[in-house]
Amino acid sequence: PAPGRWGGRLSAGDPAPSGTGRVARDAALVLSLALAYFVLARLGLVSARFLWRHLNYAVLAAVVAAALLTPSPYPWNQLVFAAPMIVMYVLGIGIAWLATR
C-alpha cells in the first residue's frame, strides 16, 4: 500500500477506515438503549422483572448482534462489542426499575 493509506501513517486528508463510521453509529445505538428502556418502562410496555427474566435471551441477542455488526471475524473483537450491549441491558433493568417506582 502507498504511504498514507492503510499501510502507512494517516494524514488529515486520508479517509477513515470503512468500518469506523458504522462502528461509531452502532456504538451510539447501544448507548441509547438506556433511554429506550426508560421510555418503554414509563409507557408500561416493559418492567424490570420482564427484562430480568429475559436476560439470557438478551445476552444471546447481544452476541449475535455483535457477530453481525463487528467488521472483524475474530471472536474476541465480537465479545468486546457485545460486552457494552450486555452492560447496557443490565443497567436498563435498573433504569426500568427506577422508572416504575
PDB file of N, CA and C in Angstrom:
ATOM      1  N   PRO A   1       0.820  -1.196   0.000  1.00  0.00           N
ATOM      2  CA  PRO A   1       0.000   0.000   0.000  1.00  0.00           C
ATOM      3  C   PRO A   1       0.859   1.252   0.000  1.00  0.00           C
ATOM      4  N   ALA A   2       0.328   2.250  -0.568  1.00  0.00           N
ATOM      5  CA  ALA A   2       1.028   3.531  -0.630  1.00  0.00           C
ATOM      6  C   ALA A   2       1.049   4.180   0.741  1.00  0.00           C
ATOM      7  N   PRO A   3       2.106   4.955   1.054  1.00  0.00           N
ATOM      8  CA  PRO A   3       2.132   5.661   2.339  1.00  0.00           C
ATOM      9  C   PRO A   3       0.917   6.573   2.436  1.00  0.00           C
ATOM     10  N   GLY A   4       0.370   6.660   3.612  1.00  0.00           N
ATOM     11  CA  GLY A   4      -0.817   7.468   3.817  1.00  0.00           C
ATOM     12  C   GLY A   4      -2.089   6.653   3.667  1.00  0.00           C
ATOM     13  N   ARG A   5      -1.975   5.497   3.091  1.00  0.00           N
ATOM     14  CA  ARG A   5      -3.119   4.584   3.034  1.00  0.00           C
ATOM     15  C   ARG A   5      -2.988   3.600   4.182  1.00  0.00           C
ATOM     16  N   TRP A   6      -3.627   2.485   4.139  1.00  0.00           N
ATOM     17  CA  TRP A   6      -3.751   1.601   5.284  1.00  0.00           C
ATOM     18  C   TRP A   6      -2.413   1.063   5.786  1.00  0.00           C
ATOM     19  N   GLY A   7      -1.363   1.096   5.015  1.00  0.00           N
ATOM     20  CA  GLY A   7      -0.089   0.569   5.465  1.00  0.00           C
ATOM     21  C   GLY A   7       0.808   1.604   6.105  1.00  0.00           C
ATOM     22  N   GLY A   8       0.565   2.875   5.903  1.00  0.00           N
ATOM     23  CA  GLY A   8       1.443   3.909   6.430  1.00  0.00           C
ATOM     24  C   GLY A   8       0.732   4.796   7.432  1.00  0.00           C
ATOM     25  N   ARG A   9       1.322   5.961   7.674  1.00  0.00           N
ATOM     26  CA  ARG A   9       0.709   6.892   8.604  1.00  0.00           C
ATOM     27  C   ARG A   9      -0.490   7.562   7.949  1.00  0.00           C
ATOM     28  N   LEU A  10      -1.496   7.828   8.722  1.00  0.00           N
ATOM     29  CA  LEU A  10      -2.668   8.534   8.214  1.00  0.00           C
ATOM     30  C   LEU A  10      -2.473  10.030   8.387  1.00  0.00           C
ATOM     31  N   SER A  11      -2.844  10.778   7.382  1.00  0.00           N
ATOM     32  CA  SER A  11      -2.798  12.231   7.498  1.00  0.00           C
ATOM     33  C   SER A  11      -4.223  12.756   7.545  1.00  0.00           C
ATOM     34  N   ALA A  12      -4.375  14.054   7.738  1.00  0.00           N
ATOM     35  CA  ALA A  12      -5.696  14.650   7.910  1.00  0.00           C
ATOM     36  C   ALA A  12      -6.580  14.463   6.685  1.00  0.00           C
ATOM     37  N   GLY A  13      -6.013  14.380   5.503  1.00  0.00           N
ATOM     38  CA  GLY A  13      -6.819  14.256   4.294  1.00  0.00           C
ATOM     39  C   GLY A  13      -7.200  12.840   3.932  1.00  0.00           C
ATOM     40  N   ASP A  14      -6.645  11.856   4.631  1.00  0.00           N
ATOM     41  CA  ASP A  14      -6.956  10.465   4.318  1.00  0.00           C
ATOM     42  C   ASP A  14      -8.312  10.080   4.883  1.00  0.00           C
ATOM     43  N   PRO A  15      -9.039   9.240   4.164  1.00  0.00           N
ATOM     44  CA  PRO A  15     -10.334   8.801   4.697  1.00  0.00           C
ATOM     45  C   PRO A  15     -10.147   7.832   5.858  1.00  0.00           C
ATOM     46  N   ALA A  16     -11.152   7.762   6.704  1.00  0.00           N
ATOM     47  CA  ALA A  16     -11.114   6.823   7.810  1.00  0.00           C
ATOM     48  C   ALA A  16     -11.341   5.411   7.259  1.00  0.00           C
ATOM     49  N   PRO A  17     -10.876   4.412   7.956  1.00  0.00           N
ATOM     50  CA  PRO A  17     -11.174   3.050   7.522  1.00  0.00           C
ATOM     51  C   PRO A  17     -12.685   2.844   7.400  1.00  0.00           C
ATOM     52  N   SER A  18     -13.107   2.011   6.477  1.00  0.00           N
ATOM     53  CA  SER A  18     -14.514   1.920   6.106  1.00  0.00           C
ATOM     54  C   SER A  18     -15.439   1.515   7.243  1.00  0.00           C
ATOM     55  N   GLY A  19     -14.982   0.708   8.182  1.00  0.00           N
ATOM     56  CA  GLY A  19     -15.857   0.257   9.250  1.00  0.00           C
ATOM     57  C   GLY A  19     -16.001   1.234  10.399  1.00  0.00           C
ATOM     58  N   THR A  20     -15.186   2.283  10.434  1.00  0.00           N
ATOM     59  CA  THR A  20     -15.170   3.186  11.574  1.00  0.00           C
ATOM     60  C   THR A  20     -16.500   3.902  11.761  1.00  0.00           C
ATOM     61  N   GLY A  21     -17.059   4.428  10.694  1.00  0.00           N
ATOM     62  CA  GLY A  21     -18.328   5.145  10.802  1.00  0.00           C
ATOM     63  C   GLY A  21     -19.458   4.236  11.232  1.00  0.00           C
ATOM     64  N   ARG A  22     -19.464   3.032  10.722  1.00  0.00           N
ATOM     65  CA  ARG A  22     -20.505   2.080  11.082  1.00  0.00           C
ATOM     66  C   ARG A  22     -20.379   1.661  12.543  1.00  0.00           C
ATOM     67  N   VAL A  23     -19.166   1.434  13.006  1.00  0.00           N
ATOM     68  CA  VAL A  23     -18.957   1.037  14.398  1.00  0.00           C
ATOM     69  C   VAL A  23     -19.349   2.182  15.328  1.00  0.00           C
ATOM     70  N   ALA A  24     -19.036   3.421  14.952  1.00  0.00           N
ATOM     71  CA  ALA A  24     -19.423   4.569  15.776  1.00  0.00           C
ATOM     72  C   ALA A  24     -20.943   4.699  15.836  1.00  0.00           C
ATOM     73  N   ARG A  25     -21.609   4.491  14.713  1.00  0.00           N
ATOM     74  CA  ARG A  25     -23.071   4.557  14.688  1.00  0.00           C
ATOM     75  C   ARG A  25     -23.663   3.466  15.565  1.00  0.00           C
ATOM     76  N   ASP A  26     -23.134   2.259  15.451  1.00  0.00           N
ATOM     77  CA  ASP A  26     -23.651   1.145  16.239  1.00  0.00           C
ATOM     78  C   ASP A  26     -23.395   1.357  17.728  1.00  0.00           C
ATOM     79  N   ALA A  27     -22.252   1.923  18.080  1.00  0.00           N
ATOM     80  CA  ALA A  27     -21.955   2.217  19.481  1.00  0.00           C
ATOM     81  C   ALA A  27     -22.932   3.258  20.030  1.00  0.00           C
ATOM     82  N   ALA A  28     -23.268   4.242  19.229  1.00  0.00           N
ATOM     83  CA  ALA A  28     -24.250   5.244  19.654  1.00  0.00           C
ATOM     84  C   ALA A  28     -25.613   4.607  19.887  1.00  0.00           C
ATOM     85  N   LEU A  29     -25.985   3.654  19.051  1.00  0.00           N
ATOM     86  CA  LEU A  29     -27.257   2.953  19.242  1.00  0.00           C
ATOM     87  C   LEU A  29     -27.253   2.139  20.534  1.00  0.00           C
ATOM     88  N   VAL A  30     -26.138   1.503  20.825  1.00  0.00           N
ATOM     89  CA  VAL A  30     -26.029   0.717  22.055  1.00  0.00           C
ATOM     90  C   VAL A  30     -26.162   1.623  23.273  1.00  0.00           C
ATOM     91  N   LEU A  31     -25.530   2.785  23.224  1.00  0.00           N
ATOM     92  CA  LEU A  31     -25.590   3.702  24.358  1.00  0.00           C
ATOM     93  C   LEU A  31     -26.975   4.316  24.522  1.00  0.00           C
ATOM     94  N   SER A  32     -27.761   4.345  23.468  1.00  0.00           N
ATOM     95  CA  SER A  32     -29.113   4.893  23.577  1.00  0.00           C
ATOM     96  C   SER A  32     -30.109   3.860  24.093  1.00  0.00           C
ATOM     97  N   LEU A  33     -29.674   2.631  24.325  1.00  0.00           N
ATOM     98  CA  LEU A  33     -30.572   1.605  24.862  1.00  0.00           C
ATOM     99  C   LEU A  33     -31.128   1.986  26.227  1.00  0.00           C
ATOM    100  N   ALA A  34     -30.328   2.642  27.047  1.00  0.00           N
ATOM    101  CA  ALA A  34     -30.796   3.029  28.377  1.00  0.00           C
ATOM    102  C   ALA A  34     -31.990   3.974  28.270  1.00  0.00           C
ATOM    103  N   LEU A  35     -31.938   4.904  27.346  1.00  0.00           N
ATOM    104  CA  LEU A  35     -33.066   5.808  27.132  1.00  0.00           C
ATOM    105  C   LEU A  35     -34.286   5.045  26.633  1.00  0.00           C
ATOM    106  N   ALA A  36     -34.074   4.091  25.754  1.00  0.00           N
ATOM    107  CA  ALA A  36     -35.185   3.292  25.236  1.00  0.00           C
ATOM    108  C   ALA A  36     -35.838   2.483  26.357  1.00  0.00           C
ATOM    109  N   TYR A  37     -35.049   1.890  27.237  1.00  0.00           N
ATOM    110  CA  TYR A  37     -35.612   1.140  28.358  1.00  0.00           C
ATOM    111  C   TYR A  37     -36.411   2.057  29.280  1.00  0.00           C
ATOM    112  N   PHE A  38     -35.906   3.252  29.512  1.00  0.00           N
ATOM    113  CA  PHE A  38     -36.614   4.210  30.366  1.00  0.00           C
ATOM    114  C   PHE A  38     -37.971   4.559  29.771  1.00  0.00           C
ATOM    115  N   VAL A  39     -37.985   4.881  28.484  1.00  0.00           N
ATOM    116  CA  VAL A  39     -39.238   5.263  27.821  1.00  0.00           C
ATOM    117  C   VAL A  39     -40.215   4.085  27.809  1.00  0.00           C
ATOM    118  N   LEU A  40     -39.743   2.905  27.467  1.00  0.00           N
ATOM    119  CA  LEU A  40     -40.615   1.727  27.438  1.00  0.00           C
ATOM    120  C   LEU A  40     -41.175   1.399  28.821  1.00  0.00           C
ATOM    121  N   ALA A  41     -40.358   1.588  29.855  1.00  0.00           N
ATOM    122  CA  ALA A  41     -40.836   1.323  31.213  1.00  0.00           C
ATOM    123  C   ALA A  41     -41.859   2.368  31.640  1.00  0.00           C
ATOM    124  N   ARG A  42     -41.627   3.619  31.291  1.00  0.00           N
ATOM    125  CA  ARG A  42     -42.591   4.672  31.644  1.00  0.00           C
ATOM    126  C   ARG A  42     -43.919   4.469  30.929  1.00  0.00           C
ATOM    127  N   LEU A  43     -43.877   3.929  29.714  1.00  0.00           N
ATOM    128  CA  LEU A  43     -45.098   3.649  28.971  1.00  0.00           C
ATOM    129  C   LEU A  43     -45.785   2.369  29.446  1.00  0.00           C
ATOM    130  N   GLY A  44     -45.110   1.610  30.297  1.00  0.00           N
ATOM    131  CA  GLY A  44     -45.684   0.381  30.817  1.00  0.00           C
ATOM    132  C   GLY A  44     -45.537  -0.813  29.886  1.00  0.00           C
ATOM    133  N   LEU A  45     -44.694  -0.694  28.871  1.00  0.00           N
ATOM    134  CA  LEU A  45     -44.518  -1.791  27.922  1.00  0.00           C
ATOM    135  C   LEU A  45     -43.543  -2.852  28.410  1.00  0.00           C
ATOM    136  N   VAL A  46     -42.596  -2.469  29.252  1.00  0.00           N
ATOM    137  CA  VAL A  46     -41.667  -3.423  29.863  1.00  0.00           C
ATOM    138  C   VAL A  46     -41.534  -3.096  31.340  1.00  0.00           C
ATOM    139  N   SER A  47     -41.102  -4.072  32.098  1.00  0.00           N
ATOM    140  CA  SER A  47     -40.822  -3.856  33.518  1.00  0.00           C
ATOM    141  C   SER A  47     -39.441  -4.428  33.817  1.00  0.00           C
ATOM    142  N   ALA A  48     -38.924  -4.071  34.981  1.00  0.00           N
ATOM    143  CA  ALA A  48     -37.618  -4.601  35.381  1.00  0.00           C
ATOM    144  C   ALA A  48     -37.692  -6.118  35.523  1.00  0.00           C
ATOM    145  N   ARG A  49     -38.813  -6.617  35.994  1.00  0.00           N
ATOM    146  CA  ARG A  49     -38.978  -8.064  36.152  1.00  0.00           C
ATOM    147  C   ARG A  49     -38.942  -8.765  34.795  1.00  0.00           C
ATOM    148  N   PHE A  50     -39.631  -8.190  33.812  1.00  0.00           N
ATOM    149  CA  PHE A  50     -39.641  -8.756  32.464  1.00  0.00           C
ATOM    150  C   PHE A  50     -38.228  -8.764  31.884  1.00  0.00           C
ATOM    151  N   LEU A  51     -37.505  -7.669  32.020  1.00  0.00           N
ATOM    152  CA  LEU A  51     -36.145  -7.586  31.486  1.00  0.00           C
ATOM    153  C   LEU A  51     -35.224  -8.579  32.190  1.00  0.00           C
ATOM    154  N   TRP A  52     -35.387  -8.736  33.500  1.00  0.00           N
ATOM    155  CA  TRP A  52     -34.540  -9.660  34.248  1.00  0.00           C
ATOM    156  C   TRP A  52     -34.803 -11.108  33.832  1.00  0.00           C
ATOM    157  N   ARG A  53     -36.078 -11.449  33.636  1.00  0.00           N
ATOM    158  CA  ARG A  53     -36.416 -12.820  33.228  1.00  0.00           C
ATOM    159  C   ARG A  53     -35.871 -13.157  31.849  1.00  0.00           C
ATOM    160  N   HIS A  54     -35.691 -12.159  31.006  1.00  0.00           N
ATOM    161  CA  HIS A  54     -35.227 -12.389  29.638  1.00  0.00           C
ATOM    162  C   HIS A  54     -33.756 -12.019  29.442  1.00  0.00           C
ATOM    163  N   LEU A  55     -33.000 -11.990  30.526  1.00  0.00           N
ATOM    164  CA  LEU A  55     -31.578 -11.653  30.448  1.00  0.00           C
ATOM    165  C   LEU A  55     -30.815 -12.646  29.578  1.00  0.00           C
ATOM    166  N   ASN A  56     -31.124 -13.937  29.674  1.00  0.00           N
ATOM    167  CA  ASN A  56     -30.390 -14.926  28.884  1.00  0.00           C
ATOM    168  C   ASN A  56     -30.620 -14.713  27.382  1.00  0.00           C
ATOM    169  N   TYR A  57     -31.830 -14.339  26.983  1.00  0.00           N
ATOM    170  CA  TYR A  57     -32.082 -14.045  25.575  1.00  0.00           C
ATOM    171  C   TYR A  57     -31.378 -12.758  25.136  1.00  0.00           C
ATOM    172  N   ALA A  58     -31.280 -11.806  26.057  1.00  0.00           N
ATOM    173  CA  ALA A  58     -30.599 -10.553  25.735  1.00  0.00           C
ATOM    174  C   ALA A  58     -29.104 -10.791  25.510  1.00  0.00           C
ATOM    175  N   VAL A  59     -28.512 -11.669  26.312  1.00  0.00           N
ATOM    176  CA  VAL A  59     -27.084 -11.991  26.125  1.00  0.00           C
ATOM    177  C   VAL A  59     -26.893 -12.678  24.777  1.00  0.00           C
ATOM    178  N   LEU A  60     -27.757 -13.616  24.462  1.00  0.00           N
ATOM    179  CA  LEU A  60     -27.664 -14.285  23.165  1.00  0.00           C
ATOM    180  C   LEU A  60     -27.842 -13.287  22.016  1.00  0.00           C
ATOM    181  N   ALA A  61     -28.818 -12.399  22.121  1.00  0.00           N
ATOM    182  CA  ALA A  61     -29.045 -11.394  21.076  1.00  0.00           C
ATOM    183  C   ALA A  61     -27.851 -10.451  20.952  1.00  0.00           C
ATOM    184  N   ALA A  62     -27.228 -10.085  22.074  1.00  0.00           N
ATOM    185  CA  ALA A  62     -26.067  -9.198  22.031  1.00  0.00           C
ATOM    186  C   ALA A  62     -24.887  -9.863  21.331  1.00  0.00           C
ATOM    187  N   VAL A  63     -24.675 -11.139  21.593  1.00  0.00           N
ATOM    188  CA  VAL A  63     -23.563 -11.847  20.955  1.00  0.00           C
ATOM    189  C   VAL A  63     -23.820 -12.013  19.462  1.00  0.00           C
ATOM    190  N   VAL A  64     -25.047 -12.327  19.095  1.00  0.00           N
ATOM    191  CA  VAL A  64     -25.380 -12.463  17.671  1.00  0.00           C
ATOM    192  C   VAL A  64     -25.274 -11.112  16.972  1.00  0.00           C
ATOM    193  N   ALA A  65     -25.788 -10.050  17.597  1.00  0.00           N
ATOM    194  CA  ALA A  65     -25.695  -8.712  17.001  1.00  0.00           C
ATOM    195  C   ALA A  65     -24.240  -8.285  16.848  1.00  0.00           C
ATOM    196  N   ALA A  66     -23.422  -8.579  17.852  1.00  0.00           N
ATOM    197  CA  ALA A  66     -22.001  -8.229  17.757  1.00  0.00           C
ATOM    198  C   ALA A  66     -21.326  -8.989  16.622  1.00  0.00           C
ATOM    199  N   ALA A  67     -21.712 -10.237  16.441  1.00  0.00           N
ATOM    200  CA  ALA A  67     -21.129 -11.020  15.349  1.00  0.00           C
ATOM    201  C   ALA A  67     -21.525 -10.442  13.993  1.00  0.00           C
ATOM    202  N   LEU A  68     -22.731  -9.924  13.894  1.00  0.00           N
ATOM    203  CA  LEU A  68     -23.179  -9.344  12.626  1.00  0.00           C
ATOM    204  C   LEU A  68     -22.650  -7.935  12.390  1.00  0.00           C
ATOM    205  N   LEU A  69     -22.485  -7.160  13.455  1.00  0.00           N
ATOM    206  CA  LEU A  69     -22.120  -5.752  13.307  1.00  0.00           C
ATOM    207  C   LEU A  69     -20.618  -5.489  13.338  1.00  0.00           C
ATOM    208  N   THR A  70     -19.855  -6.381  13.935  1.00  0.00           N
ATOM    209  CA  THR A  70     -18.415  -6.168  14.042  1.00  0.00           C
ATOM    210  C   THR A  70     -17.746  -6.434  12.703  1.00  0.00           C
ATOM    211  N   PRO A  71     -16.914  -5.518  12.246  1.00  0.00           N
ATOM    212  CA  PRO A  71     -16.256  -5.721  10.956  1.00  0.00           C
ATOM    213  C   PRO A  71     -15.105  -6.731  11.005  1.00  0.00           C
ATOM    214  N   SER A  72     -14.936  -7.410  12.111  1.00  0.00           N
ATOM    215  CA  SER A  72     -13.831  -8.351  12.272  1.00  0.00           C
ATOM    216  C   SER A  72     -14.380  -9.770  12.463  1.00  0.00           C
ATOM    217  N   PRO A  73     -13.715 -10.756  11.918  1.00  0.00           N
ATOM    218  CA  PRO A  73     -14.187 -12.133  12.114  1.00  0.00           C
ATOM    219  C   PRO A  73     -13.710 -12.764  13.424  1.00  0.00           C
ATOM    220  N   TYR A  74     -12.934 -12.057  14.220  1.00  0.00           N
ATOM    221  CA  TYR A  74     -12.347 -12.641  15.419  1.00  0.00           C
ATOM    222  C   TYR A  74     -13.310 -12.584  16.599  1.00  0.00           C
ATOM    223  N   PRO A  75     -13.477 -13.709  17.314  1.00  0.00           N
ATOM    224  CA  PRO A  75     -14.439 -13.749  18.427  1.00  0.00           C
ATOM    225  C   PRO A  75     -14.146 -12.753  19.547  1.00  0.00           C
ATOM    226  N   TRP A  76     -12.871 -12.503  19.837  1.00  0.00           N
ATOM    227  CA  TRP A  76     -12.554 -11.565  20.919  1.00  0.00           C
ATOM    228  C   TRP A  76     -13.040 -10.159  20.586  1.00  0.00           C
ATOM    229  N   ASN A  77     -12.885  -9.747  19.338  1.00  0.00           N
ATOM    230  CA  ASN A  77     -13.381  -8.428  18.939  1.00  0.00           C
ATOM    231  C   ASN A  77     -14.902  -8.375  19.032  1.00  0.00           C
ATOM    232  N   GLN A  78     -15.548  -9.457  18.699  1.00  0.00           N
ATOM    233  CA  GLN A  78     -17.004  -9.504  18.786  1.00  0.00           C
ATOM    234  C   GLN A  78     -17.461  -9.446  20.245  1.00  0.00           C
ATOM    235  N   LEU A  79     -16.742 -10.110  21.129  1.00  0.00           N
ATOM    236  CA  LEU A  79     -17.092 -10.050  22.549  1.00  0.00           C
ATOM    237  C   LEU A  79     -16.859  -8.663  23.129  1.00  0.00           C
ATOM    238  N   VAL A  80     -15.823  -7.972  22.634  1.00  0.00           N
ATOM    239  CA  VAL A  80     -15.585  -6.600  23.082  1.00  0.00           C
ATOM    240  C   VAL A  80     -16.753  -5.705  22.670  1.00  0.00           C
ATOM    241  N   PHE A  81     -17.360  -5.993  21.547  1.00  0.00           N
ATOM    242  CA  PHE A  81     -18.515  -5.212  21.102  1.00  0.00           C
ATOM    243  C   PHE A  81     -19.787  -5.668  21.814  1.00  0.00           C
ATOM    244  N   ALA A  82     -19.894  -6.943  22.171  1.00  0.00           N
ATOM    245  CA  ALA A  82     -21.088  -7.456  22.850  1.00  0.00           C
ATOM    246  C   ALA A  82     -21.135  -7.039  24.317  1.00  0.00           C
ATOM    247  N   ALA A  83     -19.989  -6.884  24.955  1.00  0.00           N
ATOM    248  CA  ALA A  83     -19.953  -6.556  26.382  1.00  0.00           C
ATOM    249  C   ALA A  83     -20.693  -5.258  26.715  1.00  0.00           C
ATOM    250  N   PRO A  84     -20.490  -4.156  25.971  1.00  0.00           N
ATOM    251  CA  PRO A  84     -21.265  -2.951  26.302  1.00  0.00           C
ATOM    252  C   PRO A  84     -22.768  -3.136  26.114  1.00  0.00           C
ATOM    253  N   MET A  85     -23.162  -3.953  25.153  1.00  0.00           N
ATOM    254  CA  MET A  85     -24.595  -4.209  24.967  1.00  0.00           C
ATOM    255  C   MET A  85     -25.174  -4.929  26.182  1.00  0.00           C
ATOM    256  N   ILE A  86     -24.433  -5.891  26.704  1.00  0.00           N
ATOM    257  CA  ILE A  86     -24.901  -6.632  27.875  1.00  0.00           C
ATOM    258  C   ILE A  86     -24.921  -5.730  29.100  1.00  0.00           C
ATOM    259  N   VAL A  87     -23.888  -4.912  29.260  1.00  0.00           N
ATOM    260  CA  VAL A  87     -23.840  -3.981  30.390  1.00  0.00           C
ATOM    261  C   VAL A  87     -24.993  -2.984  30.301  1.00  0.00           C
ATOM    262  N   MET A  88     -25.276  -2.473  29.108  1.00  0.00           N
ATOM    263  CA  MET A  88     -26.380  -1.524  28.959  1.00  0.00           C
ATOM    264  C   MET A  88     -27.722  -2.194  29.229  1.00  0.00           C
ATOM    265  N   TYR A  89     -27.858  -3.461  28.891  1.00  0.00           N
ATOM    266  CA  TYR A  89     -29.089  -4.182  29.199  1.00  0.00           C
ATOM    267  C   TYR A  89     -29.273  -4.288  30.708  1.00  0.00           C
ATOM    268  N   VAL A  90     -28.210  -4.657  31.418  1.00  0.00           N
ATOM    269  CA  VAL A  90     -28.301  -4.777  32.871  1.00  0.00           C
ATOM    270  C   VAL A  90     -28.571  -3.416  33.507  1.00  0.00           C
ATOM    271  N   LEU A  91     -27.912  -2.372  33.021  1.00  0.00           N
ATOM    272  CA  LEU A  91     -28.215  -1.022  33.510  1.00  0.00           C
ATOM    273  C   LEU A  91     -29.652  -0.637  33.173  1.00  0.00           C
ATOM    274  N   GLY A  92     -30.133  -1.083  32.024  1.00  0.00           N
ATOM    275  CA  GLY A  92     -31.511  -0.814  31.629  1.00  0.00           C
ATOM    276  C   GLY A  92     -32.502  -1.456  32.578  1.00  0.00           C
ATOM    277  N   ILE A  93     -32.152  -2.603  33.148  1.00  0.00           N
ATOM    278  CA  ILE A  93     -33.014  -3.227  34.147  1.00  0.00           C
ATOM    279  C   ILE A  93     -33.154  -2.304  35.352  1.00  0.00           C
ATOM    280  N   GLY A  94     -32.033  -1.755  35.802  1.00  0.00           N
ATOM    281  CA  GLY A  94     -32.082  -0.806  36.923  1.00  0.00           C
ATOM    282  C   GLY A  94     -32.832   0.464  36.568  1.00  0.00           C
ATOM    283  N   ILE A  95     -32.647   0.948  35.355  1.00  0.00           N
ATOM    284  CA  ILE A  95     -33.345   2.160  34.922  1.00  0.00           C
ATOM    285  C   ILE A  95     -34.843   1.900  34.827  1.00  0.00           C
ATOM    286  N   ALA A  96     -35.233   0.736  34.322  1.00  0.00           N
ATOM    287  CA  ALA A  96     -36.656   0.394  34.248  1.00  0.00           C
ATOM    288  C   ALA A  96     -37.250   0.268  35.649  1.00  0.00           C
ATOM    289  N   TRP A  97     -36.475  -0.279  36.573  1.00  0.00           N
ATOM    290  CA  TRP A  97     -36.948  -0.379  37.953  1.00  0.00           C
ATOM    291  C   TRP A  97     -37.164   1.005  38.552  1.00  0.00           C
ATOM    292  N   LEU A  98     -36.195   1.917  38.319  1.00  0.00           N
ATOM    293  CA  LEU A  98     -36.338   3.275  38.833  1.00  0.00           C
ATOM    294  C   LEU A  98     -37.481   4.034  38.157  1.00  0.00           C
ATOM    295  N   ALA A  99     -37.719   3.767  36.899  1.00  0.00           N
ATOM    296  CA  ALA A  99     -38.764   4.472  36.152  1.00  0.00           C
ATOM    297  C   ALA A  99     -40.160   4.065  36.605  1.00  0.00           C
ATOM    298  N   THR A 100     -40.294   2.862  37.141  1.00  0.00           N
ATOM    299  CA  THR A 100     -41.618   2.391  37.565  1.00  0.00           C
ATOM    300  C   THR A 100     -41.815   2.463  39.068  1.00  0.00           C
ATOM    301  N   ARG A 101     -40.881   3.006  39.801  1.00  0.00           N
ATOM    302  CA  ARG A 101     -41.019   3.139  41.254  1.00  0.00           C
ATOM    303  C   ARG A 101     -42.026   4.166  41.627  1.00  0.00           C
TER     304      ARG A 101
END
